[in-house]
Amino acid sequence: MSSKRKIYVAGHRGMVGSAICRALAAKGSPLGECEIVVRSHADLDLLDPASVRQFYAAERPDMAVIAAARVGGIGANSAANSRFLYENEMIAMNTIWGAAEAGVKRLLFLGSTCIYPRMAPQPIPESALLTSELEKTNEGYALAKISGLKLCEFLRRERRLVYHSLMPTNLYGPGDSYDIEGGHVLPTLIRKFDTMKDVVPLWGTGSAIREFLHVDDLASACLFALSLENPPDLMNVGSGEEVTIRELAEAVQEATGSTAKITWDSTKPDGTPRKLCDTSLIRSLGWRPRIGLKEGLALTVASYRKELAAGTIRLGERCAAK
């Protein structure tokens, strides 16, 4: 492999993909100087296997990072499990299999800790995978991500390709989608507290416990994993900070300066009761997160307002495949 690696980042316009591109372009990257290869949806449809094969044959990257996905919150997932399964399955199969067929030697696939069972032990170890029933509200997305990580595992075993996966916890940061109806909880909270002046209605009871990771910390974990000569097949990535959704709402309210009243709709689902990932594996190899939740919220609110003022804010489902 040459000193200047050619690295394909799938999903470069999404929150995660753009963070990875920033990290790769930064001075002092653990991967050194590299050529970043990207394609917009107009130039490459990741749902089309023939187009993906042609892309890999033409570009022949040394590495690939698969950050492309259709993602959304509880509402979006539960209303369209079929679409989340189909699109994410196709993205995973096409990008991973296409890379293997083209001879790409190194690939990192990004999933989510929603791959783990609804009632997994806490903190959730990587060994909890496929041990019991998944959370129904995002089952389609989880199944697609499980397929992707398993394909990486099988190709590594059968073809000795270094294909491996990271499963990040709930993410937030610059470039997120602020869709109130179908978005993830943290960006949805920011949007609600910024636009609703009197009352902010929230789903569930606020009792569910979650962990949040700033996307720039995930990007650093991706580069760290890619710098390992012999990485584990699967590693969790998280902050280790737990917070209830009620506490999160209050923290976002403070970060935005809102004085609105919070109401809770207990007829709506809370989702998985608790989700904290066990990150002892990646930490034992030397990676640590840097951005705490309070600092991360301040940075994200500032980024949200900057994007809003510039007219670049995203208000639909995250779809890093586009």
Protein backbone atom coordinates (compact mmCIF):
# COMPACT_ATOMS: atom_id res chain seq x y z
CA MET A 1 0.00 0.00 0.00
CA SER A 2 1.39 3.41 -0.99
CA SER A 3 2.07 6.11 1.59
CA LYS A 4 -0.80 8.18 0.12
CA ARG A 5 -3.86 6.01 0.47
CA LYS A 6 -6.93 6.37 -1.72
CA ILE A 7 -9.95 6.17 0.60
CA TYR A 8 -13.57 6.01 -0.56
CA VAL A 9 -16.08 7.50 1.90
CA ALA A 10 -19.65 6.41 1.13
CA GLY A 11 -22.18 8.89 2.48
CA HIS A 12 -19.86 11.90 2.53
CA ARG A 13 -22.75 14.39 2.59
CA GLY A 14 -24.26 12.92 5.75
CA MET A 15 -23.39 13.87 9.30
CA VAL A 16 -21.07 10.88 9.83
CA GLY A 17 -19.49 10.81 6.39
CA SER A 18 -18.72 14.52 6.42
CA ALA A 19 -17.12 14.19 9.88
CA ILE A 20 -14.94 11.34 8.61
CA CYS A 21 -13.87 13.41 5.59
CA ARG A 22 -12.94 16.30 7.91
CA ALA A 23 -10.89 13.96 10.08
CA LEU A 24 -9.12 12.41 7.08
CA ALA A 25 -8.25 15.86 5.71
CA ALA A 26 -6.96 17.19 9.04
CA LYS A 27 -3.27 17.47 9.79
CA GLY A 28 -1.96 14.71 11.98
CA SER A 29 -4.43 12.07 10.77
CA PRO A 30 -3.31 8.61 11.95
CA LEU A 31 -3.67 7.43 8.34
CA GLY A 32 -1.33 10.12 7.02
CA GLU A 33 -1.87 11.98 3.78
CA CYS A 34 -4.63 10.43 1.70
CA GLU A 35 -6.77 10.99 -1.37
CA ILE A 36 -10.45 11.10 -0.40
CA VAL A 37 -12.82 9.72 -3.03
CA VAL A 38 -16.52 10.67 -2.84
CA ARG A 39 -19.57 10.49 -5.09
CA SER A 40 -22.93 12.24 -4.86
CA HIS A 41 -26.16 10.30 -5.31
CA ALA A 42 -26.52 11.86 -8.77
CA ASP A 43 -23.21 10.26 -9.76
CA LEU A 44 -23.53 6.96 -7.90
CA ASP A 45 -26.72 5.23 -6.76
CA LEU A 46 -25.69 2.86 -3.96
CA LEU A 47 -28.93 0.92 -4.42
CA ASP A 48 -27.78 -0.11 -7.91
CA PRO A 49 -25.24 -2.97 -7.76
CA ALA A 50 -24.04 -2.49 -11.34
CA SER A 51 -23.24 1.18 -10.74
CA VAL A 52 -21.36 0.34 -7.54
CA ARG A 53 -19.33 -2.36 -9.30
CA GLN A 54 -18.42 0.06 -12.09
CA PHE A 55 -17.37 2.70 -9.57
CA TYR A 56 -15.03 0.36 -7.69
CA ALA A 57 -13.54 -0.96 -10.94
CA ALA A 58 -12.79 2.56 -12.12
CA GLU A 59 -11.49 4.06 -8.86
CA ARG A 60 -9.86 1.04 -7.20
CA PRO A 61 -9.55 2.59 -3.72
CA ASP A 62 -7.18 1.17 -1.12
CA MET A 63 -9.79 1.56 1.61
CA ALA A 64 -13.52 2.13 1.89
CA VAL A 65 -15.55 3.55 4.76
CA ILE A 66 -19.26 2.79 4.51
CA ALA A 67 -21.11 5.58 6.31
CA ALA A 68 -24.05 5.72 3.89
CA ALA A 69 -27.46 4.85 5.30
CA ARG A 70 -31.07 5.87 5.58
CA VAL A 71 -31.65 6.66 9.24
CA GLY A 72 -34.34 8.27 11.36
CA GLY A 73 -35.91 8.35 14.80
CA ILE A 74 -38.52 6.09 16.37
CA GLY A 75 -41.35 7.61 14.36
CA ALA A 76 -39.66 7.28 10.98
CA ASN A 77 -38.39 3.75 11.63
CA SER A 78 -41.58 2.29 13.05
CA ALA A 79 -43.66 3.76 10.20
CA ALA A 80 -41.40 2.38 7.46
CA ASN A 81 -39.48 -0.67 8.68
CA SER A 82 -39.69 -2.17 5.18
CA ARG A 83 -38.00 0.81 3.55
CA PHE A 84 -35.32 1.03 6.22
CA LEU A 85 -34.62 -2.69 5.80
CA TYR A 86 -34.56 -2.66 2.00
CA GLU A 87 -32.49 0.48 1.41
CA ASN A 88 -29.95 -0.19 4.14
CA GLU A 89 -29.63 -3.85 3.14
CA MET A 90 -28.97 -2.88 -0.47
CA ILE A 91 -26.46 -0.18 0.49
CA ALA A 92 -24.57 -2.59 2.74
CA MET A 93 -24.55 -5.52 0.31
CA ASN A 94 -23.61 -3.47 -2.73
CA THR A 95 -20.83 -1.45 -1.13
CA ILE A 96 -19.24 -4.33 0.79
CA TRP A 97 -19.56 -7.06 -1.83
CA GLY A 98 -18.60 -4.66 -4.59
CA ALA A 99 -15.45 -3.69 -2.70
CA ALA A 100 -14.48 -7.32 -2.17
CA GLU A 101 -15.01 -8.21 -5.84
CA ALA A 102 -12.89 -5.22 -6.89
CA GLY A 103 -10.04 -6.23 -4.58
CA VAL A 104 -10.35 -3.45 -2.00
CA LYS A 105 -8.19 -4.75 0.83
CA ARG A 106 -9.53 -2.71 3.75
CA LEU A 107 -13.12 -1.69 4.58
CA LEU A 108 -14.82 -0.22 7.63
CA PHE A 109 -18.59 -0.63 7.91
CA LEU A 110 -20.58 1.60 10.26
CA GLY A 111 -23.71 0.40 11.96
CA SER A 112 -25.48 1.29 15.18
CA THR A 113 -25.96 -0.16 18.65
CA CYS A 114 -29.61 -0.72 17.70
CA ILE A 115 -28.35 -4.05 16.30
CA TYR A 116 -28.41 -5.42 19.84
CA PRO A 117 -31.42 -7.05 21.52
CA ARG A 118 -34.04 -4.85 23.16
CA MET A 119 -33.30 -6.37 26.57
CA ALA A 120 -29.55 -6.82 26.18
CA PRO A 121 -27.36 -6.75 29.29
CA GLN A 122 -26.17 -3.27 30.24
CA PRO A 123 -23.63 -2.02 29.27
CA ILE A 124 -24.11 -3.93 26.01
CA PRO A 125 -21.08 -6.04 25.02
CA GLU A 126 -20.39 -6.98 21.42
CA SER A 127 -21.15 -10.59 22.42
CA ALA A 128 -24.84 -9.69 22.95
CA LEU A 129 -25.41 -9.69 19.20
CA LEU A 130 -28.16 -12.11 18.09
CA THR A 131 -28.82 -13.42 21.59
CA SER A 132 -32.50 -12.37 21.79
CA GLU A 133 -35.28 -10.31 20.20
CA LEU A 134 -34.63 -6.93 18.61
CA GLU A 135 -36.44 -3.68 19.39
CA LYS A 136 -39.49 -3.69 17.07
CA THR A 137 -39.56 0.04 16.34
CA ASN A 138 -36.28 -0.10 14.37
CA GLU A 139 -36.06 -3.80 13.54
CA GLY A 140 -35.70 -3.25 9.78
CA TYR A 141 -32.71 -0.94 10.15
CA ALA A 142 -31.10 -3.24 12.71
CA LEU A 143 -31.45 -6.33 10.50
CA ALA A 144 -29.81 -4.53 7.57
CA LYS A 145 -26.88 -3.45 9.72
CA ILE A 146 -26.47 -6.96 11.13
CA SER A 147 -26.31 -8.29 7.56
CA GLY A 148 -23.60 -5.77 6.71
CA LEU A 149 -21.38 -6.56 9.67
CA LYS A 150 -21.81 -10.29 9.10
CA LEU A 151 -20.86 -9.95 5.44
CA CYS A 152 -17.68 -8.16 6.54
CA GLU A 153 -16.97 -10.94 9.03
CA PHE A 154 -17.51 -13.71 6.45
CA LEU A 155 -15.38 -12.02 3.79
CA ARG A 156 -12.56 -11.55 6.28
CA ARG A 157 -12.69 -15.19 7.23
CA GLU A 158 -13.00 -16.54 3.68
CA ARG A 159 -10.87 -14.09 1.65
CA ARG A 160 -8.55 -12.67 4.34
CA LEU A 161 -9.72 -9.13 3.60
CA VAL A 162 -9.52 -6.76 6.57
CA TYR A 163 -13.21 -5.85 6.61
CA HIS A 164 -14.46 -4.82 10.04
CA SER A 165 -17.24 -2.84 11.72
CA LEU A 166 -17.92 -0.16 14.30
CA MET A 167 -21.23 0.15 16.11
CA PRO A 168 -21.65 3.72 17.42
CA THR A 169 -24.19 4.76 20.01
CA ASN A 170 -26.64 7.66 19.42
CA LEU A 171 -24.86 10.37 17.44
CA TYR A 172 -25.19 14.12 17.19
CA GLY A 173 -23.25 17.08 15.86
CA PRO A 174 -22.83 19.36 12.84
CA GLY A 175 -24.68 18.36 9.68
CA ASP A 176 -27.45 16.49 11.51
CA SER A 177 -31.05 16.36 10.31
CA TYR A 178 -33.49 18.47 12.32
CA ASP A 179 -36.72 16.84 11.18
CA ILE A 180 -39.27 17.26 13.98
CA GLU A 181 -41.52 14.42 12.80
CA GLY A 182 -39.04 11.69 11.85
CA GLY A 183 -35.69 12.73 13.29
CA HIS A 184 -33.55 11.43 16.11
CA VAL A 185 -34.22 12.61 19.61
CA LEU A 186 -31.37 15.06 20.18
CA PRO A 187 -31.60 17.12 16.96
CA THR A 188 -35.40 17.02 17.25
CA LEU A 189 -35.14 18.49 20.75
CA ILE A 190 -32.87 21.28 19.50
CA ARG A 191 -35.30 22.13 16.71
CA LYS A 192 -38.32 22.05 19.02
CA PHE A 193 -36.80 24.21 21.73
CA ASP A 194 -35.64 26.69 19.10
CA THR A 195 -38.99 27.01 17.30
CA MET A 196 -41.66 26.34 19.96
CA LYS A 197 -41.83 29.28 22.33
CA ASP A 198 -44.58 28.32 24.81
CA VAL A 199 -44.92 24.53 25.02
CA VAL A 200 -42.60 21.77 23.79
CA PRO A 201 -44.45 18.41 23.47
CA LEU A 202 -42.22 15.35 23.73
CA TRP A 203 -42.77 11.64 23.11
CA GLY A 204 -42.89 9.02 25.87
CA THR A 205 -42.29 9.43 29.57
CA GLY A 206 -38.73 10.71 29.47
CA SER A 207 -37.55 7.71 31.49
CA ALA A 208 -35.61 5.92 28.75
CA ILE A 209 -31.84 6.04 29.29
CA ARG A 210 -29.51 6.80 26.42
CA GLU A 211 -25.88 7.48 25.62
CA PHE A 212 -24.80 10.15 23.13
CA LEU A 213 -21.57 10.52 21.18
CA HIS A 214 -20.44 13.59 19.27
CA VAL A 215 -19.88 12.74 15.62
CA ASP A 216 -16.32 14.11 15.67
CA ASP A 217 -15.48 11.54 18.35
CA LEU A 218 -16.90 8.83 16.11
CA ALA A 219 -14.74 10.10 13.23
CA SER A 220 -11.65 9.84 15.43
CA ALA A 221 -12.67 6.28 16.36
CA CYS A 222 -13.00 5.38 12.67
CA LEU A 223 -9.50 6.57 11.86
CA PHE A 224 -8.17 4.84 14.95
CA ALA A 225 -9.79 1.55 13.91
CA LEU A 226 -8.43 1.88 10.37
CA SER A 227 -4.92 2.45 11.76
CA LEU A 228 -4.97 -0.91 13.58
CA GLU A 229 -3.15 -3.68 11.74
CA ASN A 230 -5.44 -6.41 13.03
CA PRO A 231 -8.66 -4.85 14.38
CA PRO A 232 -11.47 -6.86 15.99
CA ASP A 233 -14.35 -7.74 13.63
CA LEU A 234 -16.77 -5.63 15.66
CA MET A 235 -16.28 -2.83 18.17
CA ASN A 236 -18.74 -0.60 20.00
CA VAL A 237 -18.08 3.15 20.11
CA GLY A 238 -19.66 5.33 22.79
CA SER A 239 -19.09 8.13 25.27
CA GLY A 240 -19.84 6.17 28.45
CA GLU A 241 -22.16 9.03 29.57
CA GLU A 242 -25.72 8.01 30.39
CA VAL A 243 -28.65 10.40 30.57
CA THR A 244 -32.44 9.99 30.71
CA ILE A 245 -34.40 11.57 27.90
CA ARG A 246 -35.96 13.89 30.48
CA GLU A 247 -32.49 15.02 31.60
CA LEU A 248 -31.45 15.40 27.98
CA ALA A 249 -34.47 17.59 27.26
CA GLU A 250 -33.60 19.84 30.18
CA ALA A 251 -29.97 20.06 29.02
CA VAL A 252 -31.02 21.00 25.49
CA GLN A 253 -33.48 23.53 26.89
CA GLU A 254 -30.62 25.14 28.80
CA ALA A 255 -28.26 25.03 25.81
CA THR A 256 -30.82 26.76 23.56
CA GLY A 257 -31.92 29.27 26.20
CA SER A 258 -35.57 28.22 25.86
CA THR A 259 -38.14 29.03 28.55
CA ALA A 260 -40.92 26.86 27.05
CA LYS A 261 -42.85 24.37 29.17
CA ILE A 262 -42.09 20.68 28.53
CA THR A 263 -45.01 18.21 28.26
CA TRP A 264 -44.75 14.42 27.88
CA ASP A 265 -47.07 12.17 25.84
CA SER A 266 -46.96 8.77 27.55
CA THR A 267 -49.09 7.21 24.77
CA LYS A 268 -46.03 7.39 22.52
CA PRO A 269 -43.24 4.77 22.76
CA ASP A 270 -40.05 5.27 24.76
CA GLY A 271 -38.19 2.68 22.69
CA THR A 272 -35.57 0.47 24.34
CA PRO A 273 -35.62 1.18 28.11
CA ARG A 274 -31.85 1.57 28.42
CA LYS A 275 -29.05 1.51 25.90
CA LEU A 276 -25.46 1.92 27.03
CA CYS A 277 -22.76 0.23 25.03
CA ASP A 278 -19.74 -1.48 26.54
CA THR A 279 -16.74 0.25 24.97
CA SER A 280 -14.08 -1.55 26.97
CA LEU A 281 -12.75 -3.28 23.84
CA ILE A 282 -11.92 -0.16 21.81
CA ARG A 283 -10.73 1.67 24.94
CA SER A 284 -8.38 -1.21 25.77
CA LEU A 285 -6.74 -0.66 22.38
CA GLY A 286 -6.14 3.02 23.08
CA TRP A 287 -9.12 5.10 21.87
CA ARG A 288 -11.00 7.57 24.11
CA PRO A 289 -13.77 10.11 23.40
CA ARG A 290 -12.89 13.79 23.92
CA ILE A 291 -16.17 15.72 23.78
CA GLY A 292 -18.50 15.62 26.80
CA LEU A 293 -22.26 16.05 26.42
CA LYS A 294 -22.41 19.60 27.81
CA GLU A 295 -19.64 20.79 25.51
CA GLY A 296 -21.06 18.82 22.60
CA LEU A 297 -24.52 20.34 23.04
CA ALA A 298 -23.11 23.86 23.02
CA LEU A 299 -21.13 23.11 19.86
CA THR A 300 -24.13 21.51 18.18
CA VAL A 301 -26.56 24.31 19.00
CA ALA A 302 -24.04 26.81 17.61
CA SER A 303 -23.64 24.69 14.46
CA TYR A 304 -27.43 24.36 14.10
CA ARG A 305 -27.88 28.12 14.27
CA LYS A 306 -25.08 28.70 11.79
CA GLU A 307 -26.63 26.21 9.35
CA LEU A 308 -30.07 27.77 9.88
CA ALA A 309 -28.76 31.27 9.13
CA ALA A 310 -26.92 30.05 6.03
CA GLY A 311 -29.96 28.15 4.73
CA THR A 312 -28.07 24.86 4.67
CA ILE A 313 -29.95 23.15 7.49
CA ARG A 314 -31.39 19.68 6.81
CA LEU A 315 -35.01 19.21 7.82
CA GLY A 316 -35.76 15.77 6.37
CA GLU A 317 -34.72 12.21 7.22
CA ARG A 318 -30.99 11.65 7.34
CA CYS A 319 -30.11 9.78 4.21
CA ALA A 320 -26.39 9.69 3.77
CA ALA A 321 -26.80 7.63 0.61
CA LYS A 322 -27.85 10.80 -1.20
